[in-house]
Amino acid sequence: MTSYSAPRRRGLAFAAALACCAALPLQAQPAAWPSKPVKLVVGYAAGGATDLIARLVAVKLGEQLGQPLLVDNRTGANSNVGAEYVARAPADGYTLYVYTIANTINASLYGRLGYDPVKDFEPVGLIAKIPNILVVNPSLPVKSVADYVRFAKESKEGITFASSGSGSSIHLSGEMFKMQARLNMLHVPYRGSAPAVTDLLGGQVQSMFDNTPSALPHVQGGRLRAIAITSAKRSPLLPDVPTLAESGYPGFDVQSWFGLAAPAGTPRPVIDRLNAALGKVLAAPEVRQRLQDLAATPEPGTPEQMRSFAAAEIKRWREVVKESGAKAE
């Protein structure tokens, strides 16, 4: 019988262990992400601006990642239903969320949320921004911001402005302007932008700070008059419409915005790959053109930039919500 020394026995055991590791099947190793379809949750119904942008990005991101992104519309409570669903999802990169301006407004609009808008999400990057337009019924003797302010001050009842709902960016754009201009403006909330625009067209309300994609066809058709745009720069779709900043309210810059986020704790390599893929998508000429058609401006950037931006938005809207007294419906 052959006798082995202790060191030799340990060497043989180590070699045997290496051989066993080498013999392990490849599928036992962690799979590269993504190895299956990814769910992209949208907090609003199909057909709106958030959904349209999400579907455009989903298709192109899927091409970049080699796996389809499946849009999942989970509506309710001004996008809180979808946000809470994603906040509680596994942090494995297979559930993503279209994080919007609404989530930063909801942080102060709702007394209690089922998720934390900051701690429960890992930002990937901003997608795009869309300005609002101050529009009036053409029967109103108002053709400029100065006219609008004069009319509101001279009218005993002030001036009415419609919105798609209390706490929406459409509502709070008006509240921010009301604060800066110190006007008597009466907010008239509706359940969605469509019925608000219908009453504006019919003359039941006098004005509205509507999202550009919703208002644009009516402005172009002469059914509504555009007074000013809420972004810092003019829109190429309405080059003759001045900004509120140009019209005597410097620094006024309110836009609806959309970003991509994942549940907190999602591995950084997944976030980095998503961000790189999103950057390539937003640089594609066909995507930029489609976003422009929606009056949206691409906003590529880093996860850190989105995190800082969202934190600043939460602070800004907290002040407006408090001053306006806005409450969740």
Foldseek 3Di string as FASTA:
>chain_A
DDDDDPVVVVVVVVVVVVVVVVPDDPVVDDDDPPPEEAEEEEADDPPDPRNVLVVLLQVLLCVLRVYGYHYDHRYDQQSLRRVLVQLPDDLALRYKYWDKLLLLLCQQQAPDGNHHSFQFWQFLWWFWWFWWFKKWFVVDPDAAVVRLLVCQVPDPQGFEEEDLAFSDLFVLLVLVVCVQSVGNYHYDYDNGDVVRVVCRLVVVHTITRGTCLVCVVCCVVVSIHTHAIQAPDDFPSCNPHHHVCVRPRNPRHGIMTIGMIGTPPNDPVSSNSSLVSSVVSSPDPVSQVVCSVSNIHTDRDGSVVVSVVSVVSSVVSNVSCVVVVTHRD
